[in-house]
């Protein structure tokens, strides 16, 4: 049974769906109406419906969630560039928790990030228990200590400074099936979406690099994370209200680019 239908009474014959379909399922027939061909190739991205200005396409295989109007106004380049350049990694947080409502809104943005072949395989974990966050940081340090690396980091941990998770009030983790080849890429894109959305809400974020890297080699840490069976931690963000506000944008190394 066909999942994709085109209402020829509405179709404008403009070929927009043909042009944007990543799987090239659509074509124009002899009468120049759009029609779907090999539906088995569909990756269920919804591009065809999103681009159709006549609402002529229906797809019963898409998730049971309504489409909503795309934004028509966007920040001007000066504002957008300033926003992106002003983003800083936050490593000092106020202890106040981030509300579940706010976190849910951030995850709703993150789940709409691009994923390879529209796979949408990420699973999210949100940790707000301060004791658990500290325990995860401690287990991370246990591996660093046993490995005999970064003794300076271990020293500051012993002095009471959490360099792993920065005493953040919230930890947001992205994981994916261990056999999914695009897991790290999808997670990095989605976490970047989340980080920027957090910045726009006045929150600070920092990537949980130590936790992510060491969880893949230290079984006790992986167990403490309690990941879903068959899943791997692909990345995470410390999240919270910034304790301090940055006033300037630091310089960067000169641009390295090759033009061809």
C-alpha atoms as a PDB file:
ATOM      1  CA  UNK A   1       0.000   0.000   0.000  1.00  0.00           C
ATOM      2  CA  UNK A   2       1.358   3.412  -0.973  1.00  0.00           C
ATOM      3  CA  UNK A   3       2.358   5.724   1.856  1.00  0.00           C
ATOM      4  CA  UNK A   4       2.909   8.781  -0.328  1.00  0.00           C
ATOM      5  CA  UNK A   5       0.149  10.392  -2.339  1.00  0.00           C
ATOM      6  CA  UNK A   6       0.003  13.500  -4.512  1.00  0.00           C
ATOM      7  CA  UNK A   7      -3.242  15.401  -5.031  1.00  0.00           C
ATOM      8  CA  UNK A   8      -3.123  16.405  -8.704  1.00  0.00           C
ATOM      9  CA  UNK A   9      -5.889  18.951  -8.107  1.00  0.00           C
ATOM     10  CA  UNK A  10      -3.486  20.872  -5.887  1.00  0.00           C
ATOM     11  CA  UNK A  11      -0.079  20.086  -7.428  1.00  0.00           C
ATOM     12  CA  UNK A  12       1.512  23.170  -9.026  1.00  0.00           C
ATOM     13  CA  UNK A  13       3.851  21.104 -11.233  1.00  0.00           C
ATOM     14  CA  UNK A  14       6.826  23.139  -9.993  1.00  0.00           C
ATOM     15  CA  UNK A  15       9.028  20.112  -9.280  1.00  0.00           C
ATOM     16  CA  UNK A  16      10.059  21.355  -5.832  1.00  0.00           C
ATOM     17  CA  UNK A  17       9.538  17.939  -4.236  1.00  0.00           C
ATOM     18  CA  UNK A  18      11.585  16.327  -7.009  1.00  0.00           C
ATOM     19  CA  UNK A  19      14.473  18.695  -6.343  1.00  0.00           C
ATOM     20  CA  UNK A  20      14.624  18.415  -2.548  1.00  0.00           C
ATOM     21  CA  UNK A  21      13.974  14.688  -2.023  1.00  0.00           C
ATOM     22  CA  UNK A  22      17.326  13.240  -0.833  1.00  0.00           C
ATOM     23  CA  UNK A  23      16.385   9.736  -2.031  1.00  0.00           C
ATOM     24  CA  UNK A  24      15.136  10.958  -5.463  1.00  0.00           C
ATOM     25  CA  UNK A  25      11.823   9.178  -5.021  1.00  0.00           C
ATOM     26  CA  UNK A  26       9.830  11.837  -6.862  1.00  0.00           C
ATOM     27  CA  UNK A  27       9.635  12.554 -10.573  1.00  0.00           C
ATOM     28  CA  UNK A  28       7.327  14.461 -12.884  1.00  0.00           C
ATOM     29  CA  UNK A  29       5.068  12.324 -15.039  1.00  0.00           C
ATOM     30  CA  UNK A  30       4.029  12.990 -18.618  1.00  0.00           C
ATOM     31  CA  UNK A  31       1.514  15.574 -17.429  1.00  0.00           C
ATOM     32  CA  UNK A  32       4.196  17.185 -15.229  1.00  0.00           C
ATOM     33  CA  UNK A  33       2.509  16.184 -11.999  1.00  0.00           C
ATOM     34  CA  UNK A  34       4.749  14.961  -9.204  1.00  0.00           C
ATOM     35  CA  UNK A  35       4.566  11.284  -8.380  1.00  0.00           C
ATOM     36  CA  UNK A  36       6.375   9.007  -5.951  1.00  0.00           C
ATOM     37  CA  UNK A  37       8.212   6.036  -7.412  1.00  0.00           C
ATOM     38  CA  UNK A  38      10.299   3.662  -5.286  1.00  0.00           C
ATOM     39  CA  UNK A  39       8.933   4.389  -1.810  1.00  0.00           C
ATOM     40  CA  UNK A  40      11.213   1.740  -0.316  1.00  0.00           C
ATOM     41  CA  UNK A  41      14.034   4.281  -0.620  1.00  0.00           C
ATOM     42  CA  UNK A  42      12.227   6.869   1.514  1.00  0.00           C
ATOM     43  CA  UNK A  43      14.125   7.996   4.639  1.00  0.00           C
ATOM     44  CA  UNK A  44      11.003   9.650   6.118  1.00  0.00           C
ATOM     45  CA  UNK A  45      12.523  13.118   6.350  1.00  0.00           C
ATOM     46  CA  UNK A  46       9.339  14.973   5.374  1.00  0.00           C
ATOM     47  CA  UNK A  47      11.170  17.294   2.991  1.00  0.00           C
ATOM     48  CA  UNK A  48       8.594  16.742   0.259  1.00  0.00           C
ATOM     49  CA  UNK A  49       5.709  17.971   2.404  1.00  0.00           C
ATOM     50  CA  UNK A  50       7.758  20.757   3.964  1.00  0.00           C
ATOM     51  CA  UNK A  51       8.625  22.256   0.565  1.00  0.00           C
ATOM     52  CA  UNK A  52       5.260  21.858  -1.173  1.00  0.00           C
ATOM     53  CA  UNK A  53       3.614  25.268  -1.334  1.00  0.00           C
ATOM     54  CA  UNK A  54       0.276  23.737  -2.356  1.00  0.00           C
ATOM     55  CA  UNK A  55      -0.025  21.123   0.406  1.00  0.00           C
ATOM     56  CA  UNK A  56      -0.505  18.554  -2.331  1.00  0.00           C
ATOM     57  CA  UNK A  57       1.527  15.733  -0.735  1.00  0.00           C
ATOM     58  CA  UNK A  58       0.504  13.352   2.035  1.00  0.00           C
ATOM     59  CA  UNK A  59       2.746  10.759   3.697  1.00  0.00           C
ATOM     60  CA  UNK A  60       1.220   8.238   6.106  1.00  0.00           C
ATOM     61  CA  UNK A  61       4.610   6.784   7.057  1.00  0.00           C
ATOM     62  CA  UNK A  62       5.835   9.860   8.916  1.00  0.00           C
ATOM     63  CA  UNK A  63       5.714  10.108  12.730  1.00  0.00           C
ATOM     64  CA  UNK A  64       2.332  11.020  14.158  1.00  0.00           C
ATOM     65  CA  UNK A  65       3.286  14.607  14.858  1.00  0.00           C
ATOM     66  CA  UNK A  66       1.910  17.660  13.062  1.00  0.00           C
ATOM     67  CA  UNK A  67       3.993  19.860  10.807  1.00  0.00           C
ATOM     68  CA  UNK A  68       4.195  23.464  11.962  1.00  0.00           C
ATOM     69  CA  UNK A  69       5.007  26.618   9.988  1.00  0.00           C
ATOM     70  CA  UNK A  70       8.681  27.241   9.331  1.00  0.00           C
ATOM     71  CA  UNK A  71      10.152  30.520  10.575  1.00  0.00           C
ATOM     72  CA  UNK A  72       9.979  33.339   8.062  1.00  0.00           C
ATOM     73  CA  UNK A  73      12.202  35.820   9.892  1.00  0.00           C
ATOM     74  CA  UNK A  74      15.783  35.126  10.913  1.00  0.00           C
ATOM     75  CA  UNK A  75      18.500  37.111  12.711  1.00  0.00           C
ATOM     76  CA  UNK A  76      20.514  39.423  10.494  1.00  0.00           C
ATOM     77  CA  UNK A  77      24.110  38.293   9.809  1.00  0.00           C
ATOM     78  CA  UNK A  78      25.559  40.848  12.222  1.00  0.00           C
ATOM     79  CA  UNK A  79      23.356  39.616  15.064  1.00  0.00           C
ATOM     80  CA  UNK A  80      23.839  35.935  14.246  1.00  0.00           C
ATOM     81  CA  UNK A  81      27.594  36.274  13.843  1.00  0.00           C
ATOM     82  CA  UNK A  82      27.828  38.186  17.096  1.00  0.00           C
ATOM     83  CA  UNK A  83      25.826  35.511  18.892  1.00  0.00           C
ATOM     84  CA  UNK A  84      27.988  32.669  17.587  1.00  0.00           C
ATOM     85  CA  UNK A  85      31.296  34.452  18.173  1.00  0.00           C
ATOM     86  CA  UNK A  86      30.299  35.455  21.696  1.00  0.00           C
ATOM     87  CA  UNK A  87      29.509  31.899  22.809  1.00  0.00           C
ATOM     88  CA  UNK A  88      31.943  30.725  25.451  1.00  0.00           C
ATOM     89  CA  UNK A  89      32.395  27.416  27.230  1.00  0.00           C
ATOM     90  CA  UNK A  90      31.047  27.904  30.747  1.00  0.00           C
ATOM     91  CA  UNK A  91      32.999  26.237  33.540  1.00  0.00           C
ATOM     92  CA  UNK A  92      31.547  28.041  36.546  1.00  0.00           C
ATOM     93  CA  UNK A  93      27.875  27.534  37.303  1.00  0.00           C
ATOM     94  CA  UNK A  94      25.400  28.769  39.862  1.00  0.00           C
ATOM     95  CA  UNK A  95      23.989  25.853  41.879  1.00  0.00           C
ATOM     96  CA  UNK A  96      20.395  26.604  40.887  1.00  0.00           C
ATOM     97  CA  UNK A  97      18.883  23.743  38.839  1.00  0.00           C
ATOM     98  CA  UNK A  98      17.683  24.073  35.268  1.00  0.00           C
ATOM     99  CA  UNK A  99      13.949  23.446  35.097  1.00  0.00           C
ATOM    100  CA  UNK A 100      12.664  20.292  33.433  1.00  0.00           C
ATOM    101  CA  UNK A 101      10.534  22.480  31.156  1.00  0.00           C
ATOM    102  CA  UNK A 102      13.621  24.322  29.906  1.00  0.00           C
ATOM    103  CA  UNK A 103      15.568  21.104  29.378  1.00  0.00           C
ATOM    104  CA  UNK A 104      12.631  19.615  27.469  1.00  0.00           C
ATOM    105  CA  UNK A 105      12.528  22.655  25.192  1.00  0.00           C
ATOM    106  CA  UNK A 106      16.272  22.306  24.523  1.00  0.00           C
ATOM    107  CA  UNK A 107      15.909  18.629  23.694  1.00  0.00           C
ATOM    108  CA  UNK A 108      13.050  19.436  21.338  1.00  0.00           C
ATOM    109  CA  UNK A 109      15.447  21.694  19.420  1.00  0.00           C
ATOM    110  CA  UNK A 110      18.245  19.104  19.526  1.00  0.00           C
ATOM    111  CA  UNK A 111      16.076  16.271  18.190  1.00  0.00           C
ATOM    112  CA  UNK A 112      15.517  18.266  15.015  1.00  0.00           C
ATOM    113  CA  UNK A 113      19.234  18.447  14.231  1.00  0.00           C
ATOM    114  CA  UNK A 114      20.411  16.718  11.033  1.00  0.00           C
ATOM    115  CA  UNK A 115      21.292  13.041  11.300  1.00  0.00           C
ATOM    116  CA  UNK A 116      22.817  10.689   8.750  1.00  0.00           C
ATOM    117  CA  UNK A 117      20.090   9.371   6.444  1.00  0.00           C
ATOM    118  CA  UNK A 118      17.587  10.917   8.857  1.00  0.00           C
ATOM    119  CA  UNK A 119      18.299   7.968  11.170  1.00  0.00           C
ATOM    120  CA  UNK A 120      17.361   9.860  14.376  1.00  0.00           C
ATOM    121  CA  UNK A 121      18.971   7.173  16.532  1.00  0.00           C
ATOM    122  CA  UNK A 122      20.057   9.300  19.481  1.00  0.00           C
ATOM    123  CA  UNK A 123      18.843   8.587  22.993  1.00  0.00           C
ATOM    124  CA  UNK A 124      19.104  11.332  25.605  1.00  0.00           C
ATOM    125  CA  UNK A 125      19.866  11.088  29.304  1.00  0.00           C
ATOM    126  CA  UNK A 126      19.415  14.007  31.705  1.00  0.00           C
ATOM    127  CA  UNK A 127      21.041  13.912  35.148  1.00  0.00           C
ATOM    128  CA  UNK A 128      20.176  16.556  37.734  1.00  0.00           C
ATOM    129  CA  UNK A 129      21.109  14.675  40.900  1.00  0.00           C
ATOM    130  CA  UNK A 130      24.157  16.523  42.262  1.00  0.00           C
ATOM    131  CA  UNK A 131      25.415  13.445  44.088  1.00  0.00           C
ATOM    132  CA  UNK A 132      25.276  11.333  40.936  1.00  0.00           C
ATOM    133  CA  UNK A 133      27.020  13.992  38.858  1.00  0.00           C
ATOM    134  CA  UNK A 134      29.795  14.161  41.452  1.00  0.00           C
ATOM    135  CA  UNK A 135      30.053  10.361  41.564  1.00  0.00           C
ATOM    136  CA  UNK A 136      30.462  10.236  37.776  1.00  0.00           C
ATOM    137  CA  UNK A 137      33.215  12.844  37.958  1.00  0.00           C
ATOM    138  CA  UNK A 138      34.906  10.895  40.746  1.00  0.00           C
ATOM    139  CA  UNK A 139      34.833   7.639  38.780  1.00  0.00           C
ATOM    140  CA  UNK A 140      36.334   9.453  35.814  1.00  0.00           C
ATOM    141  CA  UNK A 141      39.170  10.676  38.037  1.00  0.00           C
ATOM    142  CA  UNK A 142      39.656   7.137  39.362  1.00  0.00           C
ATOM    143  CA  UNK A 143      40.637   6.017  35.860  1.00  0.00           C
ATOM    144  CA  UNK A 144      42.929   9.018  35.337  1.00  0.00           C
ATOM    145  CA  UNK A 145      44.590   8.344  38.686  1.00  0.00           C
ATOM    146  CA  UNK A 146      45.062   4.609  37.987  1.00  0.00           C
ATOM    147  CA  UNK A 147      46.414   5.329  34.506  1.00  0.00           C
ATOM    148  CA  UNK A 148      49.078   7.582  35.993  1.00  0.00           C
ATOM    149  CA  UNK A 149      48.337  10.420  33.607  1.00  0.00           C
ATOM    150  CA  UNK A 150      47.652  14.099  34.264  1.00  0.00           C
ATOM    151  CA  UNK A 151      48.850  14.107  37.882  1.00  0.00           C
ATOM    152  CA  UNK A 152      48.284  17.865  37.969  1.00  0.00           C
ATOM    153  CA  UNK A 153      44.585  17.259  37.286  1.00  0.00           C
ATOM    154  CA  UNK A 154      44.371  14.618  39.983  1.00  0.00           C
ATOM    155  CA  UNK A 155      45.991  17.052  42.411  1.00  0.00           C
ATOM    156  CA  UNK A 156      43.388  19.738  41.801  1.00  0.00           C
ATOM    157  CA  UNK A 157      40.622  17.152  42.169  1.00  0.00           C
ATOM    158  CA  UNK A 158      42.049  16.140  45.536  1.00  0.00           C
ATOM    159  CA  UNK A 159      42.056  19.781  46.543  1.00  0.00           C
ATOM    160  CA  UNK A 160      38.291  19.924  45.941  1.00  0.00           C
ATOM    161  CA  UNK A 161      38.056  21.280  42.400  1.00  0.00           C
ATOM    162  CA  UNK A 162      35.895  19.274  39.999  1.00  0.00           C
ATOM    163  CA  UNK A 163      37.665  19.702  36.675  1.00  0.00           C
ATOM    164  CA  UNK A 164      35.614  16.903  35.077  1.00  0.00           C
ATOM    165  CA  UNK A 165      32.023  18.128  35.390  1.00  0.00           C
ATOM    166  CA  UNK A 166      32.614  21.507  37.063  1.00  0.00           C
ATOM    167  CA  UNK A 167      29.938  20.955  39.724  1.00  0.00           C
ATOM    168  CA  UNK A 168      27.355  21.646  37.043  1.00  0.00           C
ATOM    169  CA  UNK A 169      23.745  21.314  38.210  1.00  0.00           C
ATOM    170  CA  UNK A 170      22.696  19.471  35.059  1.00  0.00           C
ATOM    171  CA  UNK A 171      24.304  16.945  32.758  1.00  0.00           C
ATOM    172  CA  UNK A 172      22.781  16.171  29.353  1.00  0.00           C
ATOM    173  CA  UNK A 173      24.139  13.090  27.580  1.00  0.00           C
ATOM    174  CA  UNK A 174      23.637  11.855  24.026  1.00  0.00           C
ATOM    175  CA  UNK A 175      24.039   8.154  23.341  1.00  0.00           C
ATOM    176  CA  UNK A 176      23.402   5.925  20.345  1.00  0.00           C
ATOM    177  CA  UNK A 177      23.436   2.237  19.407  1.00  0.00           C
ATOM    178  CA  UNK A 178      27.005   0.935  19.612  1.00  0.00           C
ATOM    179  CA  UNK A 179      26.860  -0.409  16.058  1.00  0.00           C
ATOM    180  CA  UNK A 180      25.628   2.847  14.513  1.00  0.00           C
ATOM    181  CA  UNK A 181      28.462   4.179  12.353  1.00  0.00           C
ATOM    182  CA  UNK A 182      27.417   7.844  12.409  1.00  0.00           C
ATOM    183  CA  UNK A 183      26.805   8.034  16.165  1.00  0.00           C
ATOM    184  CA  UNK A 184      29.541  10.542  17.044  1.00  0.00           C
ATOM    185  CA  UNK A 185      28.731  12.826  14.142  1.00  0.00           C
ATOM    186  CA  UNK A 186      24.998  12.877  14.826  1.00  0.00           C
ATOM    187  CA  UNK A 187      25.589  13.471  18.529  1.00  0.00           C
ATOM    188  CA  UNK A 188      28.035  16.317  17.921  1.00  0.00           C
ATOM    189  CA  UNK A 189      25.573  18.114  15.647  1.00  0.00           C
ATOM    190  CA  UNK A 190      22.634  17.622  18.017  1.00  0.00           C
ATOM    191  CA  UNK A 191      24.634  18.710  21.063  1.00  0.00           C
ATOM    192  CA  UNK A 192      25.755  21.821  19.209  1.00  0.00           C
ATOM    193  CA  UNK A 193      22.119  22.647  18.481  1.00  0.00           C
ATOM    194  CA  UNK A 194      21.348  22.162  22.169  1.00  0.00           C
ATOM    195  CA  UNK A 195      24.300  24.237  23.310  1.00  0.00           C
ATOM    196  CA  UNK A 196      23.343  27.198  21.140  1.00  0.00           C
ATOM    197  CA  UNK A 197      19.696  26.935  22.149  1.00  0.00           C
ATOM    198  CA  UNK A 198      20.834  26.956  25.778  1.00  0.00           C
ATOM    199  CA  UNK A 199      22.933  30.072  25.156  1.00  0.00           C
ATOM    200  CA  UNK A 200      19.893  31.851  23.741  1.00  0.00           C
ATOM    201  CA  UNK A 201      18.046  31.105  26.987  1.00  0.00           C
ATOM    202  CA  UNK A 202      20.775  32.629  29.124  1.00  0.00           C
ATOM    203  CA  UNK A 203      22.284  29.289  30.127  1.00  0.00           C
ATOM    204  CA  UNK A 204      25.917  28.249  29.980  1.00  0.00           C
ATOM    205  CA  UNK A 205      27.258  24.942  28.689  1.00  0.00           C
ATOM    206  CA  UNK A 206      30.522  23.060  28.429  1.00  0.00           C
ATOM    207  CA  UNK A 207      31.315  19.800  26.650  1.00  0.00           C
ATOM    208  CA  UNK A 208      31.878  16.807  28.927  1.00  0.00           C
ATOM    209  CA  UNK A 209      34.991  15.565  27.153  1.00  0.00           C
ATOM    210  CA  UNK A 210      36.639  13.665  29.999  1.00  0.00           C
ATOM    211  CA  UNK A 211      33.453  11.786  30.823  1.00  0.00           C
ATOM    212  CA  UNK A 212      32.743  10.905  27.194  1.00  0.00           C
ATOM    213  CA  UNK A 213      36.228   9.685  26.341  1.00  0.00           C
ATOM    214  CA  UNK A 214      36.894   7.727  29.521  1.00  0.00           C
ATOM    215  CA  UNK A 215      33.468   6.056  29.582  1.00  0.00           C
ATOM    216  CA  UNK A 216      34.548   4.094  26.501  1.00  0.00           C
ATOM    217  CA  UNK A 217      37.581   2.560  28.254  1.00  0.00           C
ATOM    218  CA  UNK A 218      36.581   2.393  31.915  1.00  0.00           C
ATOM    219  CA  UNK A 219      33.888  -0.209  32.603  1.00  0.00           C
ATOM    220  CA  UNK A 220      32.958   1.046  36.101  1.00  0.00           C
ATOM    221  CA  UNK A 221      32.199   4.472  34.662  1.00  0.00           C
ATOM    222  CA  UNK A 222      30.100   2.995  31.862  1.00  0.00           C
ATOM    223  CA  UNK A 223      28.197   0.974  34.454  1.00  0.00           C
ATOM    224  CA  UNK A 224      27.662   4.023  36.645  1.00  0.00           C
ATOM    225  CA  UNK A 225      26.171   5.875  33.689  1.00  0.00           C
ATOM    226  CA  UNK A 226      23.551   3.117  33.329  1.00  0.00           C
ATOM    227  CA  UNK A 227      23.328   3.524  29.577  1.00  0.00           C
ATOM    228  CA  UNK A 228      20.617   1.576  27.751  1.00  0.00           C
ATOM    229  CA  UNK A 229      21.830  -1.885  26.760  1.00  0.00           C
ATOM    230  CA  UNK A 230      23.703  -1.806  23.459  1.00  0.00           C
ATOM    231  CA  UNK A 231      24.240   1.955  23.582  1.00  0.00           C
ATOM    232  CA  UNK A 232      27.436   4.027  23.776  1.00  0.00           C
ATOM    233  CA  UNK A 233      27.922   7.498  25.203  1.00  0.00           C
ATOM    234  CA  UNK A 234      28.704   9.805  22.267  1.00  0.00           C
ATOM    235  CA  UNK A 235      28.892  13.171  23.979  1.00  0.00           C
ATOM    236  CA  UNK A 236      27.520  15.332  26.729  1.00  0.00           C
ATOM    237  CA  UNK A 237      27.079  18.856  27.988  1.00  0.00           C
ATOM    238  CA  UNK A 238      27.343  20.353  31.434  1.00  0.00           C
ATOM    239  CA  UNK A 239      24.508  22.820  31.709  1.00  0.00           C
ATOM    240  CA  UNK A 240      23.494  25.538  34.122  1.00  0.00           C
ATOM    241  CA  UNK A 241      23.095  29.200  34.891  1.00  0.00           C
ATOM    242  CA  UNK A 242      26.430  30.999  34.385  1.00  0.00           C
ATOM    243  CA  UNK A 243      28.128  32.233  37.523  1.00  0.00           C
ATOM    244  CA  UNK A 244      29.948  34.940  35.588  1.00  0.00           C
ATOM    245  CA  UNK A 245      29.324  36.892  32.405  1.00  0.00           C
ATOM    246  CA  UNK A 246      31.924  37.279  29.666  1.00  0.00           C
ATOM    247  CA  UNK A 247      32.458  40.841  28.452  1.00  0.00           C
ATOM    248  CA  UNK A 248      34.823  40.310  25.549  1.00  0.00           C
ATOM    249  CA  UNK A 249      35.469  37.851  22.718  1.00  0.00           C
ATOM    250  CA  UNK A 250      39.036  36.453  22.861  1.00  0.00           C
ATOM    251  CA  UNK A 251      41.244  36.361  19.752  1.00  0.00           C
ATOM    252  CA  UNK A 252      41.738  33.201  17.721  1.00  0.00           C
ATOM    253  CA  UNK A 253      44.526  31.810  15.591  1.00  0.00           C
ATOM    254  CA  UNK A 254      44.594  33.167  12.023  1.00  0.00           C
ATOM    255  CA  UNK A 255      42.253  31.416   9.601  1.00  0.00           C
ATOM    256  CA  UNK A 256      43.820  28.441   7.844  1.00  0.00           C
ATOM    257  CA  UNK A 257      42.113  27.889   4.504  1.00  0.00           C
ATOM    258  CA  UNK A 258      42.816  26.550   1.040  1.00  0.00           C
ATOM    259  CA  UNK A 259      40.861  27.997  -1.873  1.00  0.00           C
ATOM    260  CA  UNK A 260      40.469  25.972  -5.037  1.00  0.00           C
END
